[in-house]
């Protein structure tokens, strides 16, 4: 038996503590206008886990209009431990 205190579904966290910098696209390149948010799930990996998210402005006020999607859910499948979530 797995107790609920064993965190069988895991704890979701960012794989890096660094800030992500997103540059505005230019006519020459849009390469810096996309960011991949990397998440990890440990110590448990059992079951499907839906994680809500919302991208906010630096000061947390107002809506982000130049990233899509700016809110929603990411889903870890059963036994999935890493997830890369692209935004653009």
N, C-alpha and C. Protein backbone atom coordinates (compact mmCIF):
# COMPACT_ATOMS: atom_id res chain seq x y z
N UNK A 1 0.84 -1.18 0.00
CA UNK A 1 0.00 0.00 0.00
C UNK A 1 0.89 1.25 0.00
N UNK A 2 0.52 2.22 -0.81
CA UNK A 2 1.24 3.48 -0.88
C UNK A 2 0.41 4.54 -0.14
N UNK A 3 0.96 5.09 0.90
CA UNK A 3 0.27 6.13 1.67
C UNK A 3 0.28 7.45 0.91
N UNK A 4 -0.75 8.27 1.12
CA UNK A 4 -0.80 9.56 0.43
C UNK A 4 0.39 10.44 0.80
N UNK A 5 0.96 10.24 1.97
CA UNK A 5 2.12 11.02 2.39
C UNK A 5 3.39 10.62 1.64
N UNK A 6 3.36 9.52 0.89
CA UNK A 6 4.51 9.08 0.11
C UNK A 6 4.66 9.84 -1.21
N UNK A 7 3.75 10.72 -1.52
CA UNK A 7 3.77 11.53 -2.74
C UNK A 7 3.92 10.65 -3.99
N UNK A 8 3.07 9.66 -4.10
CA UNK A 8 3.15 8.71 -5.22
C UNK A 8 2.96 9.37 -6.58
N UNK A 9 2.27 10.49 -6.62
CA UNK A 9 2.08 11.20 -7.89
C UNK A 9 3.22 12.15 -8.18
N UNK A 10 4.12 12.34 -7.22
CA UNK A 10 5.29 13.18 -7.42
C UNK A 10 5.05 14.63 -7.06
N UNK A 11 6.12 15.38 -7.10
CA UNK A 11 6.10 16.82 -6.89
C UNK A 11 6.65 17.45 -8.16
N UNK A 12 5.92 18.40 -8.72
CA UNK A 12 6.31 19.03 -9.98
C UNK A 12 7.17 20.25 -9.68
N UNK A 13 8.29 20.37 -10.38
CA UNK A 13 9.16 21.54 -10.20
C UNK A 13 9.84 21.88 -11.51
N UNK A 14 10.38 23.11 -11.57
CA UNK A 14 11.14 23.54 -12.73
C UNK A 14 12.50 22.85 -12.70
N UNK A 15 13.01 22.47 -13.88
CA UNK A 15 14.31 21.80 -13.95
C UNK A 15 15.46 22.79 -13.82
N UNK A 16 15.18 24.07 -13.90
CA UNK A 16 16.21 25.09 -13.74
C UNK A 16 15.65 26.20 -12.88
N UNK A 17 16.51 26.84 -12.13
CA UNK A 17 16.07 27.98 -11.33
C UNK A 17 16.42 29.29 -12.01
N UNK A 18 17.04 29.21 -13.19
CA UNK A 18 17.41 30.41 -13.93
C UNK A 18 16.19 31.10 -14.52
N UNK A 19 16.25 32.40 -14.63
CA UNK A 19 15.19 33.14 -15.30
C UNK A 19 15.29 32.88 -16.80
N UNK A 20 14.15 32.82 -17.45
CA UNK A 20 14.12 32.67 -18.90
C UNK A 20 13.96 34.06 -19.52
N UNK A 21 14.80 34.38 -20.48
CA UNK A 21 14.73 35.67 -21.16
C UNK A 21 14.16 35.43 -22.55
N UNK A 22 13.13 36.16 -22.87
CA UNK A 22 12.46 36.01 -24.16
C UNK A 22 12.60 37.31 -24.92
N UNK A 23 13.33 37.26 -26.04
CA UNK A 23 13.53 38.45 -26.87
C UNK A 23 12.44 38.55 -27.91
N UNK A 24 12.13 39.77 -28.28
CA UNK A 24 11.14 39.99 -29.33
C UNK A 24 11.71 39.49 -30.66
N UNK A 25 10.87 38.88 -31.52
CA UNK A 25 11.37 38.43 -32.82
C UNK A 25 11.78 39.62 -33.70
N UNK A 26 12.73 39.37 -34.56
CA UNK A 26 13.20 40.40 -35.50
C UNK A 26 12.89 39.92 -36.91
N UNK A 27 12.99 40.79 -37.90
CA UNK A 27 12.79 40.37 -39.29
C UNK A 27 13.80 39.31 -39.72
N UNK A 28 14.96 39.27 -39.06
CA UNK A 28 16.01 38.33 -39.43
C UNK A 28 15.82 36.98 -38.75
N UNK A 29 15.39 36.99 -37.48
CA UNK A 29 15.30 35.74 -36.74
C UNK A 29 14.21 35.80 -35.68
N UNK A 30 13.50 34.69 -35.56
CA UNK A 30 12.51 34.55 -34.49
C UNK A 30 13.00 33.52 -33.47
N UNK A 31 14.26 33.11 -33.60
CA UNK A 31 14.79 32.03 -32.77
C UNK A 31 14.72 32.32 -31.28
N UNK A 32 14.93 33.58 -30.88
CA UNK A 32 14.91 33.92 -29.47
C UNK A 32 13.51 34.24 -28.95
N UNK A 33 12.49 34.09 -29.79
CA UNK A 33 11.14 34.43 -29.36
C UNK A 33 10.36 33.20 -28.90
N UNK A 34 11.07 32.12 -28.62
CA UNK A 34 10.44 30.90 -28.12
C UNK A 34 11.21 30.44 -26.89
N UNK A 35 10.50 29.95 -25.91
CA UNK A 35 11.15 29.43 -24.71
C UNK A 35 10.57 28.05 -24.40
N UNK A 36 11.43 27.15 -23.99
CA UNK A 36 10.97 25.82 -23.58
C UNK A 36 11.08 25.73 -22.06
N UNK A 37 9.94 25.54 -21.43
CA UNK A 37 9.89 25.42 -19.98
C UNK A 37 10.01 23.94 -19.65
N UNK A 38 11.02 23.58 -18.88
CA UNK A 38 11.27 22.19 -18.55
C UNK A 38 10.83 21.89 -17.13
N UNK A 39 9.97 20.89 -17.00
CA UNK A 39 9.44 20.49 -15.70
C UNK A 39 9.89 19.08 -15.37
N UNK A 40 9.98 18.77 -14.09
CA UNK A 40 10.31 17.43 -13.65
C UNK A 40 9.33 17.00 -12.57
N UNK A 41 9.17 15.70 -12.44
CA UNK A 41 8.22 15.12 -11.50
C UNK A 41 8.94 14.05 -10.69
N UNK A 42 9.18 14.30 -9.43
CA UNK A 42 9.83 13.33 -8.54
C UNK A 42 9.29 13.52 -7.13
N UNK A 43 9.37 12.63 -6.22
CA UNK A 43 9.93 11.31 -6.34
C UNK A 43 8.96 10.30 -6.93
N UNK A 44 7.64 10.57 -6.89
CA UNK A 44 6.66 9.61 -7.40
C UNK A 44 6.37 9.82 -8.87
N UNK A 45 5.94 8.76 -9.54
CA UNK A 45 5.63 8.83 -10.97
C UNK A 45 4.33 8.12 -11.30
N UNK A 46 3.50 7.85 -10.31
CA UNK A 46 2.31 7.05 -10.53
C UNK A 46 1.09 7.90 -10.89
N UNK A 47 0.40 7.49 -11.94
CA UNK A 47 -0.83 8.15 -12.35
C UNK A 47 -0.61 9.34 -13.26
N UNK A 48 -1.71 9.81 -13.82
CA UNK A 48 -1.71 10.99 -14.67
C UNK A 48 -1.87 12.22 -13.77
N UNK A 49 -1.06 13.25 -14.03
CA UNK A 49 -1.11 14.48 -13.24
C UNK A 49 -1.30 15.66 -14.19
N UNK A 50 -2.35 16.44 -13.96
CA UNK A 50 -2.60 17.67 -14.72
C UNK A 50 -2.13 18.85 -13.88
N UNK A 51 -1.27 19.68 -14.46
CA UNK A 51 -0.69 20.81 -13.74
C UNK A 51 -1.19 22.10 -14.37
N UNK A 52 -1.95 22.92 -13.62
CA UNK A 52 -2.38 24.20 -14.18
C UNK A 52 -1.21 25.17 -14.22
N UNK A 53 -1.21 26.06 -15.22
CA UNK A 53 -0.17 27.09 -15.30
C UNK A 53 -0.76 28.39 -15.80
N UNK A 54 -0.06 29.49 -15.47
CA UNK A 54 -0.42 30.81 -15.97
C UNK A 54 0.87 31.61 -16.08
N UNK A 55 1.14 32.16 -17.26
CA UNK A 55 2.30 33.00 -17.47
C UNK A 55 1.88 34.44 -17.22
N UNK A 56 2.64 35.14 -16.37
CA UNK A 56 2.28 36.51 -16.03
C UNK A 56 3.39 37.47 -16.43
N UNK A 57 3.09 38.74 -16.37
CA UNK A 57 4.09 39.75 -16.62
C UNK A 57 5.08 39.78 -15.46
N UNK A 58 6.18 40.47 -15.63
CA UNK A 58 7.24 40.51 -14.63
C UNK A 58 6.72 40.95 -13.27
N UNK A 59 5.85 41.93 -13.24
CA UNK A 59 5.32 42.39 -11.95
C UNK A 59 4.06 41.65 -11.54
N UNK A 60 3.62 40.69 -12.35
CA UNK A 60 2.46 39.89 -12.01
C UNK A 60 1.13 40.56 -12.27
N UNK A 61 1.15 41.75 -12.83
CA UNK A 61 -0.09 42.47 -13.12
C UNK A 61 -0.33 42.47 -14.62
N UNK A 62 -1.56 42.33 -15.01
CA UNK A 62 -1.89 42.37 -16.43
C UNK A 62 -1.71 41.00 -17.09
N UNK A 63 -2.27 40.88 -18.26
CA UNK A 63 -2.21 39.64 -19.01
C UNK A 63 -1.05 39.65 -20.00
N UNK A 64 -0.48 38.49 -20.24
CA UNK A 64 0.55 38.33 -21.25
C UNK A 64 -0.16 38.14 -22.58
N UNK A 65 0.20 38.96 -23.57
CA UNK A 65 -0.48 38.87 -24.86
C UNK A 65 0.42 38.37 -25.97
N UNK A 66 1.74 38.25 -25.71
CA UNK A 66 2.63 37.85 -26.80
C UNK A 66 3.21 36.45 -26.62
N UNK A 67 2.67 35.66 -25.71
CA UNK A 67 3.03 34.25 -25.56
C UNK A 67 1.79 33.40 -25.67
N UNK A 68 1.91 32.27 -26.31
CA UNK A 68 0.77 31.38 -26.44
C UNK A 68 1.23 29.95 -26.22
N UNK A 69 0.52 29.18 -25.47
CA UNK A 69 -0.59 29.60 -24.63
C UNK A 69 -0.08 30.29 -23.37
N UNK A 70 -0.86 31.21 -22.82
CA UNK A 70 -0.47 31.94 -21.62
C UNK A 70 -1.05 31.30 -20.36
N UNK A 71 -1.95 30.35 -20.54
CA UNK A 71 -2.50 29.62 -19.40
C UNK A 71 -3.09 28.31 -19.90
N UNK A 72 -3.33 27.41 -18.98
CA UNK A 72 -3.90 26.12 -19.32
C UNK A 72 -3.39 25.04 -18.40
N UNK A 73 -3.23 23.85 -18.96
CA UNK A 73 -2.75 22.70 -18.20
C UNK A 73 -1.67 21.98 -18.99
N UNK A 74 -0.67 21.46 -18.30
CA UNK A 74 0.26 20.50 -18.89
C UNK A 74 -0.01 19.18 -18.19
N UNK A 75 0.16 18.09 -18.92
CA UNK A 75 -0.19 16.78 -18.38
C UNK A 75 1.00 15.84 -18.38
N UNK A 76 1.30 15.31 -17.21
CA UNK A 76 2.28 14.24 -17.08
C UNK A 76 1.52 12.92 -17.19
N UNK A 77 1.96 12.06 -18.10
CA UNK A 77 1.36 10.74 -18.21
C UNK A 77 1.91 9.83 -17.10
N UNK A 78 1.27 8.70 -16.89
CA UNK A 78 1.72 7.73 -15.90
C UNK A 78 3.19 7.38 -16.14
N UNK A 79 4.00 7.49 -15.13
CA UNK A 79 5.43 7.18 -15.14
C UNK A 79 6.29 8.18 -15.93
N UNK A 80 5.71 9.28 -16.38
CA UNK A 80 6.48 10.32 -17.08
C UNK A 80 7.14 11.22 -16.04
N UNK A 81 8.46 11.45 -16.18
CA UNK A 81 9.19 12.22 -15.18
C UNK A 81 9.68 13.58 -15.68
N UNK A 82 9.78 13.77 -16.99
CA UNK A 82 10.23 15.04 -17.55
C UNK A 82 9.25 15.50 -18.60
N UNK A 83 9.08 16.81 -18.67
CA UNK A 83 8.15 17.38 -19.65
C UNK A 83 8.74 18.70 -20.13
N UNK A 84 8.78 18.88 -21.44
CA UNK A 84 9.25 20.12 -22.04
C UNK A 84 8.02 20.79 -22.65
N UNK A 85 7.77 22.01 -22.20
CA UNK A 85 6.58 22.73 -22.61
C UNK A 85 6.99 23.96 -23.42
N UNK A 86 6.82 23.93 -24.76
CA UNK A 86 7.23 25.09 -25.57
C UNK A 86 6.17 26.19 -25.56
N UNK A 87 6.63 27.42 -25.55
CA UNK A 87 5.73 28.57 -25.75
C UNK A 87 6.34 29.44 -26.84
N UNK A 88 5.51 30.16 -27.51
CA UNK A 88 6.01 31.10 -28.52
C UNK A 88 5.11 32.29 -28.63
